[in-house]
Amino acid sequence: MTRGKQKIEAQRRNAERNQKAKGSQLEARAVALKVSCPICKTQLANHNQLGDHYASKHPKEMPPVESS
């Protein structure tokens, strides 16, 4: 084992990286979902996704206009 010190440092770095990735992303997801479909109440991230959602799920309905 010629790379003993490098191996230990790599394990320490990997442990730090893996520790940061743990946890729930529910709070971040709730912040990102800003638009909801008035028909089925599906939450979407932006108005473009709402337009795509209407085209696929509610083709007979017109999407609401974007209010900026």
PDB file of N, CA and C in Angstrom:
ATOM      1  N   MET A   1       0.856  -1.166   0.000  1.00  0.00           N
ATOM      2  CA  MET A   1       0.000   0.000   0.000  1.00  0.00           C
ATOM      3  C   MET A   1       0.906   1.234   0.000  1.00  0.00           C
ATOM      4  N   THR A   2       1.182   1.746  -1.182  1.00  0.00           N
ATOM      5  CA  THR A   2       2.101   2.877  -1.293  1.00  0.00           C
ATOM      6  C   THR A   2       1.388   4.207  -1.177  1.00  0.00           C
ATOM      7  N   ARG A   3       0.072   4.209  -1.299  1.00  0.00           N
ATOM      8  CA  ARG A   3      -0.688   5.466  -1.257  1.00  0.00           C
ATOM      9  C   ARG A   3      -1.497   5.578   0.026  1.00  0.00           C
ATOM     10  N   GLY A   4      -0.947   5.194   1.130  1.00  0.00           N
ATOM     11  CA  GLY A   4      -1.695   5.181   2.379  1.00  0.00           C
ATOM     12  C   GLY A   4      -2.245   6.540   2.766  1.00  0.00           C
ATOM     13  N   LYS A   5      -1.394   7.572   2.720  1.00  0.00           N
ATOM     14  CA  LYS A   5      -1.834   8.911   3.114  1.00  0.00           C
ATOM     15  C   LYS A   5      -2.854   9.461   2.109  1.00  0.00           C
ATOM     16  N   GLN A   6      -2.619   9.238   0.827  1.00  0.00           N
ATOM     17  CA  GLN A   6      -3.557   9.710  -0.194  1.00  0.00           C
ATOM     18  C   GLN A   6      -4.908   9.020  -0.060  1.00  0.00           C
ATOM     19  N   LYS A   7      -4.874   7.742   0.265  1.00  0.00           N
ATOM     20  CA  LYS A   7      -6.117   6.989   0.436  1.00  0.00           C
ATOM     21  C   LYS A   7      -6.924   7.533   1.602  1.00  0.00           C
ATOM     22  N   ILE A   8      -6.258   7.805   2.708  1.00  0.00           N
ATOM     23  CA  ILE A   8      -6.941   8.329   3.889  1.00  0.00           C
ATOM     24  C   ILE A   8      -7.531   9.702   3.585  1.00  0.00           C
ATOM     25  N   GLU A   9      -6.785  10.563   2.890  1.00  0.00           N
ATOM     26  CA  GLU A   9      -7.293  11.891   2.539  1.00  0.00           C
ATOM     27  C   GLU A   9      -8.478  11.783   1.579  1.00  0.00           C
ATOM     28  N   ALA A  10      -8.408  10.870   0.620  1.00  0.00           N
ATOM     29  CA  ALA A  10      -9.511  10.689  -0.320  1.00  0.00           C
ATOM     30  C   ALA A  10     -10.763  10.190   0.401  1.00  0.00           C
ATOM     31  N   GLN A  11     -10.597   9.283   1.350  1.00  0.00           N
ATOM     32  CA  GLN A  11     -11.743   8.798   2.122  1.00  0.00           C
ATOM     33  C   GLN A  11     -12.362   9.929   2.940  1.00  0.00           C
ATOM     34  N   ARG A  12     -11.522  10.788   3.517  1.00  0.00           N
ATOM     35  CA  ARG A  12     -12.018  11.919   4.301  1.00  0.00           C
ATOM     36  C   ARG A  12     -12.792  12.887   3.401  1.00  0.00           C
ATOM     37  N   ARG A  13     -12.262  13.198   2.217  1.00  0.00           N
ATOM     38  CA  ARG A  13     -12.955  14.095   1.289  1.00  0.00           C
ATOM     39  C   ARG A  13     -14.278  13.496   0.828  1.00  0.00           C
ATOM     40  N   ASN A  14     -14.282  12.208   0.521  1.00  0.00           N
ATOM     41  CA  ASN A  14     -15.517  11.551   0.095  1.00  0.00           C
ATOM     42  C   ASN A  14     -16.549  11.537   1.210  1.00  0.00           C
ATOM     43  N   ALA A  15     -16.108  11.337   2.437  1.00  0.00           N
ATOM     44  CA  ALA A  15     -17.033  11.346   3.564  1.00  0.00           C
ATOM     45  C   ALA A  15     -17.654  12.730   3.735  1.00  0.00           C
ATOM     46  N   GLU A  16     -16.852  13.791   3.560  1.00  0.00           N
ATOM     47  CA  GLU A  16     -17.395  15.148   3.657  1.00  0.00           C
ATOM     48  C   GLU A  16     -18.409  15.417   2.548  1.00  0.00           C
ATOM     49  N   ARG A  17     -18.114  14.979   1.333  1.00  0.00           N
ATOM     50  CA  ARG A  17     -19.034  15.174   0.209  1.00  0.00           C
ATOM     51  C   ARG A  17     -20.342  14.435   0.428  1.00  0.00           C
ATOM     52  N   ASN A  18     -20.247  13.211   0.895  1.00  0.00           N
ATOM     53  CA  ASN A  18     -21.453  12.412   1.114  1.00  0.00           C
ATOM     54  C   ASN A  18     -22.278  12.945   2.277  1.00  0.00           C
ATOM     55  N   GLN A  19     -21.648  13.525   3.249  1.00  0.00           N
ATOM     56  CA  GLN A  19     -22.367  14.064   4.395  1.00  0.00           C
ATOM     57  C   GLN A  19     -23.204  15.271   3.982  1.00  0.00           C
ATOM     58  N   LYS A  20     -22.721  16.104   3.083  1.00  0.00           N
ATOM     59  CA  LYS A  20     -23.452  17.282   2.637  1.00  0.00           C
ATOM     60  C   LYS A  20     -24.678  16.896   1.818  1.00  0.00           C
ATOM     61  N   ALA A  21     -24.629  15.790   1.096  1.00  0.00           N
ATOM     62  CA  ALA A  21     -25.717  15.393   0.208  1.00  0.00           C
ATOM     63  C   ALA A  21     -26.924  14.851   0.981  1.00  0.00           C
ATOM     64  N   LYS A  22     -26.732  14.438   2.208  1.00  0.00           N
ATOM     65  CA  LYS A  22     -27.833  13.867   2.972  1.00  0.00           C
ATOM     66  C   LYS A  22     -28.803  14.946   3.399  1.00  0.00           C
ATOM     67  N   GLY A  23     -30.034  14.543   3.637  1.00  0.00           N
ATOM     68  CA  GLY A  23     -31.031  15.487   4.116  1.00  0.00           C
ATOM     69  C   GLY A  23     -32.199  15.575   3.159  1.00  0.00           C
ATOM     70  N   SER A  24     -33.245  16.206   3.616  1.00  0.00           N
ATOM     71  CA  SER A  24     -34.459  16.324   2.835  1.00  0.00           C
ATOM     72  C   SER A  24     -34.393  17.535   1.914  1.00  0.00           C
ATOM     73  N   GLN A  25     -34.955  17.408   0.739  1.00  0.00           N
ATOM     74  CA  GLN A  25     -35.020  18.514  -0.207  1.00  0.00           C
ATOM     75  C   GLN A  25     -36.428  19.069  -0.313  1.00  0.00           C
ATOM     76  N   LEU A  26     -37.284  18.737   0.647  1.00  0.00           N
ATOM     77  CA  LEU A  26     -38.666  19.189   0.585  1.00  0.00           C
ATOM     78  C   LEU A  26     -38.774  20.708   0.675  1.00  0.00           C
ATOM     79  N   GLU A  27     -37.936  21.324   1.508  1.00  0.00           N
ATOM     80  CA  GLU A  27     -37.994  22.779   1.632  1.00  0.00           C
ATOM     81  C   GLU A  27     -37.579  23.449   0.336  1.00  0.00           C
ATOM     82  N   ALA A  28     -36.507  22.969  -0.277  1.00  0.00           N
ATOM     83  CA  ALA A  28     -36.044  23.552  -1.538  1.00  0.00           C
ATOM     84  C   ALA A  28     -37.074  23.332  -2.638  1.00  0.00           C
ATOM     85  N   ARG A  29     -37.719  22.193  -2.645  1.00  0.00           N
ATOM     86  CA  ARG A  29     -38.735  21.896  -3.656  1.00  0.00           C
ATOM     87  C   ARG A  29     -39.946  22.808  -3.472  1.00  0.00           C
ATOM     88  N   ALA A  30     -40.343  23.050  -2.240  1.00  0.00           N
ATOM     89  CA  ALA A  30     -41.495  23.915  -1.975  1.00  0.00           C
ATOM     90  C   ALA A  30     -41.220  25.344  -2.428  1.00  0.00           C
ATOM     91  N   VAL A  31     -39.994  25.814  -2.276  1.00  0.00           N
ATOM     92  CA  VAL A  31     -39.638  27.162  -2.707  1.00  0.00           C
ATOM     93  C   VAL A  31     -39.645  27.257  -4.232  1.00  0.00           C
ATOM     94  N   ALA A  32     -39.206  26.200  -4.904  1.00  0.00           N
ATOM     95  CA  ALA A  32     -39.087  26.224  -6.356  1.00  0.00           C
ATOM     96  C   ALA A  32     -40.443  26.148  -7.055  1.00  0.00           C
ATOM     97  N   LEU A  33     -41.441  25.518  -6.444  1.00  0.00           N
ATOM     98  CA  LEU A  33     -42.748  25.368  -7.085  1.00  0.00           C
ATOM     99  C   LEU A  33     -43.591  26.604  -6.801  1.00  0.00           C
ATOM    100  N   LYS A  34     -43.688  27.480  -7.798  1.00  0.00           N
ATOM    101  CA  LYS A  34     -44.348  28.756  -7.594  1.00  0.00           C
ATOM    102  C   LYS A  34     -45.701  28.862  -8.286  1.00  0.00           C
ATOM    103  N   VAL A  35     -45.950  28.069  -9.324  1.00  0.00           N
ATOM    104  CA  VAL A  35     -47.175  28.162 -10.115  1.00  0.00           C
ATOM    105  C   VAL A  35     -47.980  26.885  -9.916  1.00  0.00           C
ATOM    106  N   SER A  36     -49.293  27.016  -9.795  1.00  0.00           N
ATOM    107  CA  SER A  36     -50.120  25.820  -9.685  1.00  0.00           C
ATOM    108  C   SER A  36     -51.234  25.875 -10.728  1.00  0.00           C
ATOM    109  N   CYS A  37     -51.610  24.724 -11.211  1.00  0.00           N
ATOM    110  CA  CYS A  37     -52.678  24.597 -12.193  1.00  0.00           C
ATOM    111  C   CYS A  37     -54.012  24.814 -11.478  1.00  0.00           C
ATOM    112  N   PRO A  38     -54.837  25.750 -11.955  1.00  0.00           N
ATOM    113  CA  PRO A  38     -56.109  25.990 -11.273  1.00  0.00           C
ATOM    114  C   PRO A  38     -57.115  24.851 -11.438  1.00  0.00           C
ATOM    115  N   ILE A  39     -56.913  23.987 -12.415  1.00  0.00           N
ATOM    116  CA  ILE A  39     -57.855  22.889 -12.652  1.00  0.00           C
ATOM    117  C   ILE A  39     -57.553  21.691 -11.762  1.00  0.00           C
ATOM    118  N   CYS A  40     -56.304  21.209 -11.809  1.00  0.00           N
ATOM    119  CA  CYS A  40     -55.964  19.990 -11.062  1.00  0.00           C
ATOM    120  C   CYS A  40     -55.038  20.253  -9.884  1.00  0.00           C
ATOM    121  N   LYS A  41     -54.654  21.503  -9.654  1.00  0.00           N
ATOM    122  CA  LYS A  41     -53.829  21.915  -8.509  1.00  0.00           C
ATOM    123  C   LYS A  41     -52.416  21.333  -8.523  1.00  0.00           C
ATOM    124  N   THR A  42     -51.929  20.923  -9.694  1.00  0.00           N
ATOM    125  CA  THR A  42     -50.558  20.448  -9.809  1.00  0.00           C
ATOM    126  C   THR A  42     -49.616  21.640  -9.684  1.00  0.00           C
ATOM    127  N   GLN A  43     -48.551  21.497  -8.906  1.00  0.00           N
ATOM    128  CA  GLN A  43     -47.606  22.587  -8.716  1.00  0.00           C
ATOM    129  C   GLN A  43     -46.506  22.497  -9.755  1.00  0.00           C
ATOM    130  N   LEU A  44     -46.173  23.641 -10.345  1.00  0.00           N
ATOM    131  CA  LEU A  44     -45.164  23.709 -11.398  1.00  0.00           C
ATOM    132  C   LEU A  44     -44.183  24.829 -11.072  1.00  0.00           C
ATOM    133  N   ALA A  45     -43.018  24.799 -11.724  1.00  0.00           N
ATOM    134  CA  ALA A  45     -41.963  25.752 -11.404  1.00  0.00           C
ATOM    135  C   ALA A  45     -42.156  27.099 -12.083  1.00  0.00           C
ATOM    136  N   ASN A  46     -42.664  27.115 -13.322  1.00  0.00           N
ATOM    137  CA  ASN A  46     -42.798  28.395 -14.012  1.00  0.00           C
ATOM    138  C   ASN A  46     -43.969  28.356 -14.991  1.00  0.00           C
ATOM    139  N   HIS A  47     -44.218  29.494 -15.632  1.00  0.00           N
ATOM    140  CA  HIS A  47     -45.374  29.612 -16.524  1.00  0.00           C
ATOM    141  C   HIS A  47     -45.198  28.781 -17.801  1.00  0.00           C
ATOM    142  N   ASN A  48     -43.956  28.607 -18.257  1.00  0.00           N
ATOM    143  CA  ASN A  48     -43.720  27.772 -19.441  1.00  0.00           C
ATOM    144  C   ASN A  48     -44.144  26.330 -19.181  1.00  0.00           C
ATOM    145  N   GLN A  49     -43.836  25.828 -18.015  1.00  0.00           N
ATOM    146  CA  GLN A  49     -44.258  24.477 -17.662  1.00  0.00           C
ATOM    147  C   GLN A  49     -45.767  24.396 -17.548  1.00  0.00           C
ATOM    148  N   LEU A  50     -46.403  25.470 -17.093  1.00  0.00           N
ATOM    149  CA  LEU A  50     -47.855  25.493 -17.008  1.00  0.00           C
ATOM    150  C   LEU A  50     -48.468  25.397 -18.405  1.00  0.00           C
ATOM    151  N   GLY A  51     -47.884  26.098 -19.374  1.00  0.00           N
ATOM    152  CA  GLY A  51     -48.363  26.009 -20.751  1.00  0.00           C
ATOM    153  C   GLY A  51     -48.221  24.605 -21.303  1.00  0.00           C
ATOM    154  N   ASP A  52     -47.089  23.967 -21.055  1.00  0.00           N
ATOM    155  CA  ASP A  52     -46.882  22.582 -21.495  1.00  0.00           C
ATOM    156  C   ASP A  52     -47.854  21.639 -20.793  1.00  0.00           C
ATOM    157  N   HIS A  53     -48.099  21.889 -19.521  1.00  0.00           N
ATOM    158  CA  HIS A  53     -49.022  21.064 -18.744  1.00  0.00           C
ATOM    159  C   HIS A  53     -50.433  21.171 -19.333  1.00  0.00           C
ATOM    160  N   TYR A  54     -50.864  22.369 -19.650  1.00  0.00           N
ATOM    161  CA  TYR A  54     -52.187  22.560 -20.254  1.00  0.00           C
ATOM    162  C   TYR A  54     -52.278  21.841 -21.590  1.00  0.00           C
ATOM    163  N   ALA A  55     -51.212  21.918 -22.388  1.00  0.00           N
ATOM    164  CA  ALA A  55     -51.233  21.276 -23.707  1.00  0.00           C
ATOM    165  C   ALA A  55     -51.381  19.767 -23.588  1.00  0.00           C
ATOM    166  N   SER A  56     -50.772  19.172 -22.576  1.00  0.00           N
ATOM    167  CA  SER A  56     -50.811  17.714 -22.471  1.00  0.00           C
ATOM    168  C   SER A  56     -51.968  17.196 -21.618  1.00  0.00           C
ATOM    169  N   LYS A  57     -52.312  17.891 -20.537  1.00  0.00           N
ATOM    170  CA  LYS A  57     -53.314  17.382 -19.604  1.00  0.00           C
ATOM    171  C   LYS A  57     -54.705  17.987 -19.798  1.00  0.00           C
ATOM    172  N   HIS A  58     -54.761  19.230 -20.259  1.00  0.00           N
ATOM    173  CA  HIS A  58     -56.047  19.924 -20.442  1.00  0.00           C
ATOM    174  C   HIS A  58     -56.093  20.542 -21.842  1.00  0.00           C
ATOM    175  N   PRO A  59     -56.101  19.739 -22.899  1.00  0.00           N
ATOM    176  CA  PRO A  59     -55.985  20.299 -24.256  1.00  0.00           C
ATOM    177  C   PRO A  59     -57.168  21.155 -24.680  1.00  0.00           C
ATOM    178  N   LYS A  60     -58.321  20.977 -24.093  1.00  0.00           N
ATOM    179  CA  LYS A  60     -59.495  21.759 -24.491  1.00  0.00           C
ATOM    180  C   LYS A  60     -59.565  23.101 -23.772  1.00  0.00           C
ATOM    181  N   GLU A  61     -58.751  23.301 -22.772  1.00  0.00           N
ATOM    182  CA  GLU A  61     -58.761  24.533 -21.991  1.00  0.00           C
ATOM    183  C   GLU A  61     -57.645  25.460 -22.457  1.00  0.00           C
ATOM    184  N   MET A  62     -57.813  26.731 -22.202  1.00  0.00           N
ATOM    185  CA  MET A  62     -56.785  27.722 -22.507  1.00  0.00           C
ATOM    186  C   MET A  62     -55.989  28.006 -21.224  1.00  0.00           C
ATOM    187  N   PRO A  63     -54.669  28.057 -21.302  1.00  0.00           N
ATOM    188  CA  PRO A  63     -53.883  28.370 -20.094  1.00  0.00           C
ATOM    189  C   PRO A  63     -54.100  29.822 -19.680  1.00  0.00           C
ATOM    190  N   PRO A  64     -54.019  30.097 -18.396  1.00  0.00           N
ATOM    191  CA  PRO A  64     -54.173  31.484 -17.941  1.00  0.00           C
ATOM    192  C   PRO A  64     -53.013  32.336 -18.440  1.00  0.00           C
ATOM    193  N   VAL A  65     -53.263  33.615 -18.616  1.00  0.00           N
ATOM    194  CA  VAL A  65     -52.201  34.521 -19.060  1.00  0.00           C
ATOM    195  C   VAL A  65     -51.205  34.712 -17.940  1.00  0.00           C
ATOM    196  N   GLU A  66     -49.968  34.945 -18.330  1.00  0.00           N
ATOM    197  CA  GLU A  66     -48.886  35.103 -17.353  1.00  0.00           C
ATOM    198  C   GLU A  66     -49.006  36.472 -16.707  1.00  0.00           C
ATOM    199  N   SER A  67     -49.030  36.503 -15.403  1.00  0.00           N
ATOM    200  CA  SER A  67     -49.091  37.776 -14.678  1.00  0.00           C
ATOM    201  C   SER A  67     -47.732  38.076 -14.099  1.00  0.00           C
ATOM    202  N   SER A  68     -47.067  39.105 -14.621  1.00  0.00           N
ATOM    203  CA  SER A  68     -45.710  39.448 -14.174  1.00  0.00           C
ATOM    204  C   SER A  68     -45.706  40.595 -13.226  1.00  0.00           C
TER     205      SER A  68
END
